[in-house]
Amino acid sequence: MLHDTPAPCRYLRTYRIHGCTVLEFHGEIDLAAAIEITPQLDVSTAPPEPLVAIDLTPVTFLDCSGLNLLCRAHRRITARYGNLQLVCSHPPALRLLRAARLTDTFHPVSALDEALDRLHPQAGGAAARGTARRQQARDNSG
C-alpha cells in the first residue's frame, strides 16, 4: 500500500536513532506551524508500537496549537501500544504544560539522551509495556 509522503516542514526535523523516531520541533509552534507539522506527525506515529521522542529544545514559542499536537501524538501512539517521551526544558513551555495539567501525561525530561534511554527497547521495558497493554486490551475486550 502506498502512502503519500508529507511535504518537508520548516518547523519539524524528523530522524531515526537507536530504533526510535525523533520529532524535533523548531521555532514558534502556533496554529500555522501545527498545520504544517500534523501530516508528518501522523506518518511518524502510524506504525504499530511506535517509539517516539518529541524534542522541544529548539522551540522558541508554544501555544495551545502546540499542546494539541502533543496530545494528538500521545493519543495516536497510545492507541498503537507505543511509547512517547517529551524533551522540554524551555521554562515557558513547561509552565504551559503545568497550566494545562499535562506534566503527568508527558513526564517531560530535559535531554534527548534521557528520552532515548527511556524509549530504547533494549534499555527498558517499552516493548514489554506495549505487550502488557495489548494483553490488557485483549483481556478487557473479551
Foldseek 3Di string as FASTA:
>chain_A
DDDDDADDAPQWDWDDDLQAIETEGAEADDPVRLVRCVVVLCVQLPDAQHQYEYEDVRYPHYDVSNVVSVVVSLVSNVVRLYDYAYADDDVVVVVVCVVVVNCVVHVYDHDPVVSCLDRNVVNDPRVVSSVVVVVVVVVVVD
